[in-house]
Amino acid sequence: MTREAHLALEVGAQLGEGPVWVERDQALWFTDIKRKKVHRYDPESGDHRSWDTPEQIGFIFPAKSGGYIVGLQSGLHRFDPKKGKFKLLVAVEPGSPDNRLNDGVVDPKGRLWFGTMDDSEKSKTGAYYCFHRGKLTRTNVTSIAITNGPAVSPDGTILYWVDTLRGTISACEIWGDGQLGPSQLVVRIDPREGHPDGPTVDREGAIWISLYSGSEARRYSPAGELLERVRFPVSNITKIAFGGRDLNTAFATTAQHLLSPEKLLMEPLAGSLFAFQVSVSGIPTPPIAD
């Protein structure tokens, strides 16, 4: 089945990323990595606000103790929207200044899983981490140039992670100590069709993957069967988040990043936020247990 996405918010993001529906706020939050911004969008009222960030920002999630935790280039920071202030919680890879934090997910136990990557998108210096109650753990999934995701199964037992340059989506068991079991390939995407970017999982456990340079998002079964496609009027789709009161609206961030001036003229909506309705709703994002 194929459907079409529609424009939700024209925002002109250089590299839109990290959309998350915050239940307690009833709004969608997302980032623009390259322009160093956090965005908040209320689809019911149309209200849109943004904040400048001191460094490149990959993701934002609500914290159980209040406020938000964001992934800036230097590490995890606490963010207070009322004051617009950022406070470092834990440095990540301080010895790798060319790396940055890219994407993340919160599992049902409130653990934050996220990846780092080479900012030039070439060297295999990225890895996945787990942050839980103040403790940062480096997982055994390492040596990746562009990490994306991860995403977590509805029961919190399986973690899906993306190696964008290899075009792969892999799965592994989540172990109790913040480590991961052996990885198994789920999907490999031909680079001529696009590059797998941010994944997310719906209520049935299907994996939604955004395709950079592919103009679409795809829904796969946990076994890797292609179930559905959604087409976009722009090339670079970065990540999907389920939102709205019933979590049956999918919001998708997109990017202008790496588009030529000629391509930008052909895609005036590149970098905008898009939306489409889904027949299977998403899963609420729990706050980080900080």
C-alpha atoms as a PDB file:
ATOM      1  CA  MET A   1       0.000   0.000   0.000  1.00  0.00           C
ATOM      2  CA  THR A   2       1.254   3.480  -0.891  1.00  0.00           C
ATOM      3  CA  ARG A   3      -0.030   6.797   0.415  1.00  0.00           C
ATOM      4  CA  GLU A   4       1.037  10.453   0.295  1.00  0.00           C
ATOM      5  CA  ALA A   5       2.317  12.724   3.094  1.00  0.00           C
ATOM      6  CA  HIS A   6       1.080  16.312   3.375  1.00  0.00           C
ATOM      7  CA  LEU A   7       2.723  19.485   4.651  1.00  0.00           C
ATOM      8  CA  ALA A   8       2.247  20.138   8.381  1.00  0.00           C
ATOM      9  CA  LEU A   9       4.693  22.984   9.051  1.00  0.00           C
ATOM     10  CA  GLU A  10       6.997  24.863   6.706  1.00  0.00           C
ATOM     11  CA  VAL A  11      10.115  25.307   8.814  1.00  0.00           C
ATOM     12  CA  GLY A  12      13.066  25.129   6.394  1.00  0.00           C
ATOM     13  CA  ALA A  13      15.247  22.877   8.530  1.00  0.00           C
ATOM     14  CA  GLN A  14      18.774  22.309   7.318  1.00  0.00           C
ATOM     15  CA  LEU A  15      18.774  18.889   8.986  1.00  0.00           C
ATOM     16  CA  GLY A  16      15.470  18.228  10.745  1.00  0.00           C
ATOM     17  CA  GLU A  17      15.661  15.297  13.156  1.00  0.00           C
ATOM     18  CA  GLY A  18      14.524  13.727  16.410  1.00  0.00           C
ATOM     19  CA  PRO A  19      10.728  14.228  16.338  1.00  0.00           C
ATOM     20  CA  VAL A  20       9.014  13.100  19.552  1.00  0.00           C
ATOM     21  CA  TRP A  21       5.443  13.508  20.755  1.00  0.00           C
ATOM     22  CA  VAL A  22       5.476  14.642  24.387  1.00  0.00           C
ATOM     23  CA  GLU A  23       2.310  13.387  26.085  1.00  0.00           C
ATOM     24  CA  ARG A  24       2.380  15.790  29.027  1.00  0.00           C
ATOM     25  CA  ASP A  25       2.735  18.723  26.626  1.00  0.00           C
ATOM     26  CA  GLN A  26       0.502  17.397  23.818  1.00  0.00           C
ATOM     27  CA  ALA A  27       2.979  18.755  21.304  1.00  0.00           C
ATOM     28  CA  LEU A  28       5.630  17.577  18.887  1.00  0.00           C
ATOM     29  CA  TRP A  29       9.239  18.486  19.624  1.00  0.00           C
ATOM     30  CA  PHE A  30      12.026  18.128  17.059  1.00  0.00           C
ATOM     31  CA  THR A  31      15.472  19.478  16.244  1.00  0.00           C
ATOM     32  CA  ASP A  32      17.441  21.064  13.440  1.00  0.00           C
ATOM     33  CA  ILE A  33      20.932  19.680  13.906  1.00  0.00           C
ATOM     34  CA  LYS A  34      22.874  21.988  11.617  1.00  0.00           C
ATOM     35  CA  ARG A  35      21.004  25.198  12.439  1.00  0.00           C
ATOM     36  CA  LYS A  36      21.268  24.371  16.165  1.00  0.00           C
ATOM     37  CA  LYS A  37      17.595  24.698  17.042  1.00  0.00           C
ATOM     38  CA  VAL A  38      14.887  22.994  19.087  1.00  0.00           C
ATOM     39  CA  HIS A  39      11.347  23.269  17.736  1.00  0.00           C
ATOM     40  CA  ARG A  40       7.962  22.781  19.412  1.00  0.00           C
ATOM     41  CA  TYR A  41       4.797  22.398  17.328  1.00  0.00           C
ATOM     42  CA  ASP A  42       1.204  22.133  18.534  1.00  0.00           C
ATOM     43  CA  PRO A  43      -0.801  20.693  15.611  1.00  0.00           C
ATOM     44  CA  GLU A  44      -4.169  21.606  17.154  1.00  0.00           C
ATOM     45  CA  SER A  45      -3.468  25.300  17.604  1.00  0.00           C
ATOM     46  CA  GLY A  46      -0.753  25.627  14.961  1.00  0.00           C
ATOM     47  CA  ASP A  47       1.545  27.247  17.550  1.00  0.00           C
ATOM     48  CA  HIS A  48       5.229  26.925  16.658  1.00  0.00           C
ATOM     49  CA  ARG A  49       8.138  27.982  18.883  1.00  0.00           C
ATOM     50  CA  SER A  50      11.882  27.488  18.619  1.00  0.00           C
ATOM     51  CA  TRP A  51      15.003  27.860  20.766  1.00  0.00           C
ATOM     52  CA  ASP A  52      18.656  28.278  19.811  1.00  0.00           C
ATOM     53  CA  THR A  53      21.059  25.647  21.125  1.00  0.00           C
ATOM     54  CA  PRO A  54      24.766  26.167  21.914  1.00  0.00           C
ATOM     55  CA  GLU A  55      25.884  23.164  19.856  1.00  0.00           C
ATOM     56  CA  GLN A  56      24.553  20.811  17.207  1.00  0.00           C
ATOM     57  CA  ILE A  57      21.559  18.957  18.660  1.00  0.00           C
ATOM     58  CA  GLY A  58      20.392  15.466  17.710  1.00  0.00           C
ATOM     59  CA  PHE A  59      17.427  14.733  19.959  1.00  0.00           C
ATOM     60  CA  ILE A  60      15.209  15.908  22.807  1.00  0.00           C
ATOM     61  CA  PHE A  61      13.164  13.824  25.284  1.00  0.00           C
ATOM     62  CA  PRO A  62      11.148  14.636  28.392  1.00  0.00           C
ATOM     63  CA  ALA A  63      12.788  13.771  31.716  1.00  0.00           C
ATOM     64  CA  LYS A  64      10.917  12.120  34.572  1.00  0.00           C
ATOM     65  CA  SER A  65      12.204  14.740  37.003  1.00  0.00           C
ATOM     66  CA  GLY A  66      10.886  17.521  34.782  1.00  0.00           C
ATOM     67  CA  GLY A  67      12.197  19.488  31.860  1.00  0.00           C
ATOM     68  CA  TYR A  68      13.983  17.809  28.986  1.00  0.00           C
ATOM     69  CA  ILE A  69      17.212  15.992  28.224  1.00  0.00           C
ATOM     70  CA  VAL A  70      18.858  16.769  24.904  1.00  0.00           C
ATOM     71  CA  GLY A  71      21.731  15.293  22.960  1.00  0.00           C
ATOM     72  CA  LEU A  72      24.145  18.075  22.085  1.00  0.00           C
ATOM     73  CA  GLN A  73      27.452  17.491  20.328  1.00  0.00           C
ATOM     74  CA  SER A  74      29.378  17.370  23.620  1.00  0.00           C
ATOM     75  CA  GLY A  75      26.984  15.098  25.502  1.00  0.00           C
ATOM     76  CA  LEU A  76      23.691  14.906  27.359  1.00  0.00           C
ATOM     77  CA  HIS A  77      22.354  18.196  28.698  1.00  0.00           C
ATOM     78  CA  ARG A  78      19.301  19.214  30.704  1.00  0.00           C
ATOM     79  CA  PHE A  79      17.171  21.790  28.896  1.00  0.00           C
ATOM     80  CA  ASP A  80      14.786  24.235  30.557  1.00  0.00           C
ATOM     81  CA  PRO A  81      12.457  25.712  27.880  1.00  0.00           C
ATOM     82  CA  LYS A  82      11.198  28.446  30.225  1.00  0.00           C
ATOM     83  CA  LYS A  83      14.705  29.846  30.645  1.00  0.00           C
ATOM     84  CA  GLY A  84      16.186  28.595  27.395  1.00  0.00           C
ATOM     85  CA  LYS A  85      19.141  27.225  29.397  1.00  0.00           C
ATOM     86  CA  PHE A  86      21.250  24.086  28.932  1.00  0.00           C
ATOM     87  CA  LYS A  87      23.223  22.301  31.658  1.00  0.00           C
ATOM     88  CA  LEU A  88      25.654  19.455  31.024  1.00  0.00           C
ATOM     89  CA  LEU A  89      24.698  16.136  32.652  1.00  0.00           C
ATOM     90  CA  VAL A  90      27.346  13.838  31.218  1.00  0.00           C
ATOM     91  CA  ALA A  91      29.999  14.309  28.548  1.00  0.00           C
ATOM     92  CA  VAL A  92      29.973  11.735  25.751  1.00  0.00           C
ATOM     93  CA  GLU A  93      33.194  10.864  23.912  1.00  0.00           C
ATOM     94  CA  PRO A  94      35.122  13.951  25.076  1.00  0.00           C
ATOM     95  CA  GLY A  95      38.184  12.536  23.343  1.00  0.00           C
ATOM     96  CA  SER A  96      36.432  12.509  19.950  1.00  0.00           C
ATOM     97  CA  PRO A  97      35.674  16.179  19.152  1.00  0.00           C
ATOM     98  CA  ASP A  98      34.787  15.342  15.540  1.00  0.00           C
ATOM     99  CA  ASN A  99      31.896  13.140  16.671  1.00  0.00           C
ATOM    100  CA  ARG A 100      28.391  14.277  17.622  1.00  0.00           C
ATOM    101  CA  LEU A 101      25.234  12.746  19.065  1.00  0.00           C
ATOM    102  CA  ASN A 102      22.672  11.963  16.372  1.00  0.00           C
ATOM    103  CA  ASP A 103      19.509  10.055  17.299  1.00  0.00           C
ATOM    104  CA  GLY A 104      17.904   8.274  20.238  1.00  0.00           C
ATOM    105  CA  VAL A 105      14.928   6.490  21.787  1.00  0.00           C
ATOM    106  CA  VAL A 106      13.546   5.900  25.292  1.00  0.00           C
ATOM    107  CA  ASP A 107      12.513   2.334  26.157  1.00  0.00           C
ATOM    108  CA  PRO A 108       9.639   1.292  28.482  1.00  0.00           C
ATOM    109  CA  LYS A 109      11.997   1.274  31.488  1.00  0.00           C
ATOM    110  CA  GLY A 110      12.970   4.895  30.879  1.00  0.00           C
ATOM    111  CA  ARG A 111      16.418   4.067  29.526  1.00  0.00           C
ATOM    112  CA  LEU A 112      17.755   6.380  26.837  1.00  0.00           C
ATOM    113  CA  TRP A 113      19.485   4.626  23.944  1.00  0.00           C
ATOM    114  CA  PHE A 114      21.363   6.838  21.480  1.00  0.00           C
ATOM    115  CA  GLY A 115      24.125   6.862  18.903  1.00  0.00           C
ATOM    116  CA  THR A 116      27.162   8.959  18.101  1.00  0.00           C
ATOM    117  CA  MET A 117      28.624   9.537  14.649  1.00  0.00           C
ATOM    118  CA  ASP A 118      31.376  11.252  12.689  1.00  0.00           C
ATOM    119  CA  ASP A 119      30.136  14.757  11.898  1.00  0.00           C
ATOM    120  CA  SER A 120      31.752  14.530   8.443  1.00  0.00           C
ATOM    121  CA  GLU A 121      29.770  11.289   7.855  1.00  0.00           C
ATOM    122  CA  LYS A 122      32.823   9.303   6.746  1.00  0.00           C
ATOM    123  CA  SER A 123      34.853   7.744   9.587  1.00  0.00           C
ATOM    124  CA  LYS A 124      33.530   4.704  11.445  1.00  0.00           C
ATOM    125  CA  THR A 125      33.854   6.323  14.870  1.00  0.00           C
ATOM    126  CA  GLY A 126      30.215   6.089  15.975  1.00  0.00           C
ATOM    127  CA  ALA A 127      28.756   3.828  18.670  1.00  0.00           C
ATOM    128  CA  TYR A 128      25.528   3.250  20.599  1.00  0.00           C
ATOM    129  CA  TYR A 129      25.091   4.097  24.279  1.00  0.00           C
ATOM    130  CA  CYS A 130      22.600   3.571  27.092  1.00  0.00           C
ATOM    131  CA  PHE A 131      21.866   6.227  29.737  1.00  0.00           C
ATOM    132  CA  HIS A 132      19.864   5.208  32.822  1.00  0.00           C
ATOM    133  CA  ARG A 133      19.520   6.977  36.167  1.00  0.00           C
ATOM    134  CA  GLY A 134      22.675   8.987  35.653  1.00  0.00           C
ATOM    135  CA  LYS A 135      24.832   6.108  34.402  1.00  0.00           C
ATOM    136  CA  LEU A 136      26.213   6.075  30.855  1.00  0.00           C
ATOM    137  CA  THR A 137      27.087   2.700  29.303  1.00  0.00           C
ATOM    138  CA  ARG A 138      28.801   2.153  25.953  1.00  0.00           C
ATOM    139  CA  THR A 139      27.256  -0.820  24.153  1.00  0.00           C
ATOM    140  CA  ASN A 140      29.045  -3.376  21.993  1.00  0.00           C
ATOM    141  CA  VAL A 141      27.552  -1.904  18.778  1.00  0.00           C
ATOM    142  CA  THR A 142      30.424   0.276  17.553  1.00  0.00           C
ATOM    143  CA  SER A 143      32.517   1.251  14.502  1.00  0.00           C
ATOM    144  CA  ILE A 144      29.702   2.928  12.535  1.00  0.00           C
ATOM    145  CA  ALA A 145      30.045   6.096  10.452  1.00  0.00           C
ATOM    146  CA  ILE A 146      26.389   7.214  10.610  1.00  0.00           C
ATOM    147  CA  THR A 147      24.274   5.751  13.413  1.00  0.00           C
ATOM    148  CA  ASN A 148      20.507   6.197  13.231  1.00  0.00           C
ATOM    149  CA  GLY A 149      17.810   5.240  15.664  1.00  0.00           C
ATOM    150  CA  PRO A 150      17.727   3.190  17.635  1.00  0.00           C
ATOM    151  CA  ALA A 151      14.111   2.078  18.008  1.00  0.00           C
ATOM    152  CA  VAL A 152      12.696  -0.371  20.553  1.00  0.00           C
ATOM    153  CA  SER A 153      10.026  -3.066  20.256  1.00  0.00           C
ATOM    154  CA  PRO A 154       6.749  -2.446  22.132  1.00  0.00           C
ATOM    155  CA  ASP A 155       7.699  -4.876  24.914  1.00  0.00           C
ATOM    156  CA  GLY A 156      11.142  -3.329  25.311  1.00  0.00           C
ATOM    157  CA  THR A 157      13.092  -6.507  24.567  1.00  0.00           C
ATOM    158  CA  ILE A 158      14.429  -5.796  21.060  1.00  0.00           C
ATOM    159  CA  LEU A 159      16.503  -2.840  19.884  1.00  0.00           C
ATOM    160  CA  TYR A 160      16.622  -1.934  16.196  1.00  0.00           C
ATOM    161  CA  TRP A 161      19.611   0.065  14.998  1.00  0.00           C
ATOM    162  CA  VAL A 162      20.578   1.525  11.635  1.00  0.00           C
ATOM    163  CA  ASP A 163      23.910   1.732   9.853  1.00  0.00           C
ATOM    164  CA  THR A 164      22.987   4.333   7.237  1.00  0.00           C
ATOM    165  CA  LEU A 165      26.043   3.989   4.980  1.00  0.00           C
ATOM    166  CA  ARG A 166      25.715   0.207   4.873  1.00  0.00           C
ATOM    167  CA  GLY A 167      21.978   0.513   4.230  1.00  0.00           C
ATOM    168  CA  THR A 168      21.057  -1.901   7.010  1.00  0.00           C
ATOM    169  CA  ILE A 169      18.511  -2.205   9.800  1.00  0.00           C
ATOM    170  CA  SER A 170      19.582  -4.716  12.452  1.00  0.00           C
ATOM    171  CA  ALA A 171      17.989  -6.112  15.603  1.00  0.00           C
ATOM    172  CA  CYS A 172      19.421  -7.353  18.886  1.00  0.00           C
ATOM    173  CA  GLU A 173      18.132  -8.365  22.294  1.00  0.00           C
ATOM    174  CA  ILE A 174      18.306  -5.818  25.102  1.00  0.00           C
ATOM    175  CA  TRP A 175      20.044  -7.341  28.089  1.00  0.00           C
ATOM    176  CA  GLY A 176      19.409  -6.222  31.654  1.00  0.00           C
ATOM    177  CA  ASP A 177      22.813  -4.622  32.190  1.00  0.00           C
ATOM    178  CA  GLY A 178      22.447  -2.034  29.452  1.00  0.00           C
ATOM    179  CA  GLN A 179      24.258  -4.231  26.962  1.00  0.00           C
ATOM    180  CA  LEU A 180      22.995  -5.777  23.752  1.00  0.00           C
ATOM    181  CA  GLY A 181      22.955  -9.297  22.384  1.00  0.00           C
ATOM    182  CA  PRO A 182      24.291 -10.334  18.960  1.00  0.00           C
ATOM    183  CA  SER A 183      22.868  -8.334  16.043  1.00  0.00           C
ATOM    184  CA  GLN A 184      20.785  -9.902  13.284  1.00  0.00           C
ATOM    185  CA  LEU A 185      20.109  -8.269   9.912  1.00  0.00           C
ATOM    186  CA  VAL A 186      16.437  -7.369   9.383  1.00  0.00           C
ATOM    187  CA  VAL A 187      16.464  -5.253   6.211  1.00  0.00           C
ATOM    188  CA  ARG A 188      19.068  -4.177   3.673  1.00  0.00           C
ATOM    189  CA  ILE A 189      18.070  -1.268   1.412  1.00  0.00           C
ATOM    190  CA  ASP A 190      19.593  -0.748  -2.018  1.00  0.00           C
ATOM    191  CA  PRO A 191      21.353   2.654  -2.013  1.00  0.00           C
ATOM    192  CA  ARG A 192      19.693   3.444  -5.347  1.00  0.00           C
ATOM    193  CA  GLU A 193      16.380   3.498  -3.428  1.00  0.00           C
ATOM    194  CA  GLY A 194      17.645   5.782  -0.660  1.00  0.00           C
ATOM    195  CA  HIS A 195      19.540   5.524   2.615  1.00  0.00           C
ATOM    196  CA  PRO A 196      17.841   4.318   5.814  1.00  0.00           C
ATOM    197  CA  ASP A 197      17.628   7.120   8.354  1.00  0.00           C
ATOM    198  CA  GLY A 198      15.649   7.306  11.603  1.00  0.00           C
ATOM    199  CA  PRO A 199      13.486   4.290  12.554  1.00  0.00           C
ATOM    200  CA  THR A 200      10.489   4.071  14.872  1.00  0.00           C
ATOM    201  CA  VAL A 201       8.134   1.251  15.890  1.00  0.00           C
ATOM    202  CA  ASP A 202       4.342   1.193  15.979  1.00  0.00           C
ATOM    203  CA  ARG A 203       1.931  -0.574  18.332  1.00  0.00           C
ATOM    204  CA  GLU A 204       2.089  -3.828  16.316  1.00  0.00           C
ATOM    205  CA  GLY A 205       5.895  -3.862  16.398  1.00  0.00           C
ATOM    206  CA  ALA A 206       6.315  -2.920  12.740  1.00  0.00           C
ATOM    207  CA  ILE A 207       9.344  -0.787  11.913  1.00  0.00           C
ATOM    208  CA  TRP A 208       8.900   2.531  10.141  1.00  0.00           C
ATOM    209  CA  ILE A 209      12.073   3.688   8.413  1.00  0.00           C
ATOM    210  CA  SER A 210      12.714   7.049   6.740  1.00  0.00           C
ATOM    211  CA  LEU A 211      14.714   7.113   3.519  1.00  0.00           C
ATOM    212  CA  TYR A 212      17.233   9.895   2.977  1.00  0.00           C
ATOM    213  CA  SER A 213      17.477  10.649  -0.758  1.00  0.00           C
ATOM    214  CA  GLY A 214      14.547   8.274  -1.228  1.00  0.00           C
ATOM    215  CA  SER A 215      11.473  10.551  -0.957  1.00  0.00           C
ATOM    216  CA  GLU A 216       9.593   8.025   1.131  1.00  0.00           C
ATOM    217  CA  ALA A 217       9.055   6.252   4.428  1.00  0.00           C
ATOM    218  CA  ARG A 218       8.516   2.504   4.629  1.00  0.00           C
ATOM    219  CA  ARG A 219       6.846   0.154   7.086  1.00  0.00           C
ATOM    220  CA  TYR A 220       8.467  -3.260   7.570  1.00  0.00           C
ATOM    221  CA  SER A 221       7.437  -6.255   9.642  1.00  0.00           C
ATOM    222  CA  PRO A 222       9.896  -7.431  12.336  1.00  0.00           C
ATOM    223  CA  ALA A 223      10.819 -10.197   9.870  1.00  0.00           C
ATOM    224  CA  GLY A 224      11.775  -7.624   7.226  1.00  0.00           C
ATOM    225  CA  GLU A 225       8.706  -7.836   4.963  1.00  0.00           C
ATOM    226  CA  LEU A 226       7.813  -4.546   3.250  1.00  0.00           C
ATOM    227  CA  LEU A 227       4.235  -3.673   4.285  1.00  0.00           C
ATOM    228  CA  GLU A 228       3.630  -0.075   3.264  1.00  0.00           C
ATOM    229  CA  ARG A 229       5.126   2.998   1.604  1.00  0.00           C
ATOM    230  CA  VAL A 230       4.468   6.720   2.053  1.00  0.00           C
ATOM    231  CA  ARG A 231       5.643   9.127  -0.642  1.00  0.00           C
ATOM    232  CA  PHE A 232       6.874  12.698  -0.012  1.00  0.00           C
ATOM    233  CA  PRO A 233       7.354  15.722  -2.293  1.00  0.00           C
ATOM    234  CA  VAL A 234      10.935  16.108  -0.983  1.00  0.00           C
ATOM    235  CA  SER A 235      13.985  13.846  -1.124  1.00  0.00           C
ATOM    236  CA  ASN A 236      15.420  13.690   2.377  1.00  0.00           C
ATOM    237  CA  ILE A 237      13.147  12.088   4.977  1.00  0.00           C
ATOM    238  CA  THR A 238      14.885  11.781   8.342  1.00  0.00           C
ATOM    239  CA  LYS A 239      12.556  10.365  11.013  1.00  0.00           C
ATOM    240  CA  ILE A 240       8.930   9.659  11.953  1.00  0.00           C
ATOM    241  CA  ALA A 241       7.151  10.124  15.280  1.00  0.00           C
ATOM    242  CA  PHE A 242       3.562   9.213  16.108  1.00  0.00           C
ATOM    243  CA  GLY A 243       1.531  12.012  17.655  1.00  0.00           C
ATOM    244  CA  GLY A 244      -1.887  13.474  18.232  1.00  0.00           C
ATOM    245  CA  ARG A 245      -4.265  12.442  20.997  1.00  0.00           C
ATOM    246  CA  ASP A 246      -4.617   8.896  19.645  1.00  0.00           C
ATOM    247  CA  LEU A 247      -1.036   8.623  18.330  1.00  0.00           C
ATOM    248  CA  ASN A 248      -2.413   7.858  14.873  1.00  0.00           C
ATOM    249  CA  THR A 249      -0.804  10.786  13.062  1.00  0.00           C
ATOM    250  CA  ALA A 250       2.724  10.227  11.821  1.00  0.00           C
ATOM    251  CA  PHE A 251       4.903  13.341  11.722  1.00  0.00           C
ATOM    252  CA  ALA A 252       8.072  13.279   9.621  1.00  0.00           C
ATOM    253  CA  THR A 253      11.088  15.582   9.727  1.00  0.00           C
ATOM    254  CA  THR A 254      12.986  16.290   6.510  1.00  0.00           C
ATOM    255  CA  ALA A 255      16.210  18.035   5.474  1.00  0.00           C
ATOM    256  CA  GLN A 256      17.797  20.396   2.990  1.00  0.00           C
ATOM    257  CA  HIS A 257      21.235  19.030   3.896  1.00  0.00           C
ATOM    258  CA  LEU A 258      23.333  17.955   0.865  1.00  0.00           C
ATOM    259  CA  LEU A 259      20.786  19.171  -1.691  1.00  0.00           C
ATOM    260  CA  SER A 260      22.303  21.185  -4.540  1.00  0.00           C
ATOM    261  CA  PRO A 261      21.036  24.718  -5.239  1.00  0.00           C
ATOM    262  CA  GLU A 262      19.271  23.353  -8.317  1.00  0.00           C
ATOM    263  CA  LYS A 263      17.619  20.592  -6.288  1.00  0.00           C
ATOM    264  CA  LEU A 264      16.510  23.078  -3.624  1.00  0.00           C
ATOM    265  CA  LEU A 265      14.732  25.107  -6.297  1.00  0.00           C
ATOM    266  CA  MET A 266      12.890  21.940  -7.327  1.00  0.00           C
ATOM    267  CA  GLU A 267      12.029  21.109  -3.692  1.00  0.00           C
ATOM    268  CA  PRO A 268      10.839  24.347  -2.038  1.00  0.00           C
ATOM    269  CA  LEU A 269       9.368  22.375   0.895  1.00  0.00           C
ATOM    270  CA  ALA A 270      12.610  20.553   1.741  1.00  0.00           C
ATOM    271  CA  GLY A 271      13.273  20.788   5.475  1.00  0.00           C
ATOM    272  CA  SER A 272       9.565  21.054   6.335  1.00  0.00           C
ATOM    273  CA  LEU A 273       7.571  18.936   8.752  1.00  0.00           C
ATOM    274  CA  PHE A 274       5.108  16.546   7.083  1.00  0.00           C
ATOM    275  CA  ALA A 275       2.280  14.363   8.369  1.00  0.00           C
ATOM    276  CA  PHE A 276       0.065  11.450   7.352  1.00  0.00           C
ATOM    277  CA  GLN A 277      -2.531   9.244   9.030  1.00  0.00           C
ATOM    278  CA  VAL A 278      -1.753   5.648   9.991  1.00  0.00           C
ATOM    279  CA  SER A 279      -4.034   2.670  10.547  1.00  0.00           C
ATOM    280  CA  VAL A 280      -1.827   1.334  13.365  1.00  0.00           C
ATOM    281  CA  SER A 281      -1.054   3.874  16.084  1.00  0.00           C
ATOM    282  CA  GLY A 282       2.255   4.506  17.754  1.00  0.00           C
ATOM    283  CA  ILE A 283       3.506   3.932  21.282  1.00  0.00           C
ATOM    284  CA  PRO A 284       3.737   6.708  23.913  1.00  0.00           C
ATOM    285  CA  THR A 285       7.297   7.859  24.611  1.00  0.00           C
ATOM    286  CA  PRO A 286       8.055   7.459  28.328  1.00  0.00           C
ATOM    287  CA  PRO A 287      10.153  10.083  30.088  1.00  0.00           C
ATOM    288  CA  ILE A 288      13.827   9.399  30.689  1.00  0.00           C
ATOM    289  CA  ALA A 289      14.498   7.922  34.129  1.00  0.00           C
ATOM    290  CA  ASP A 290      17.163  10.427  35.089  1.00  0.00           C
END
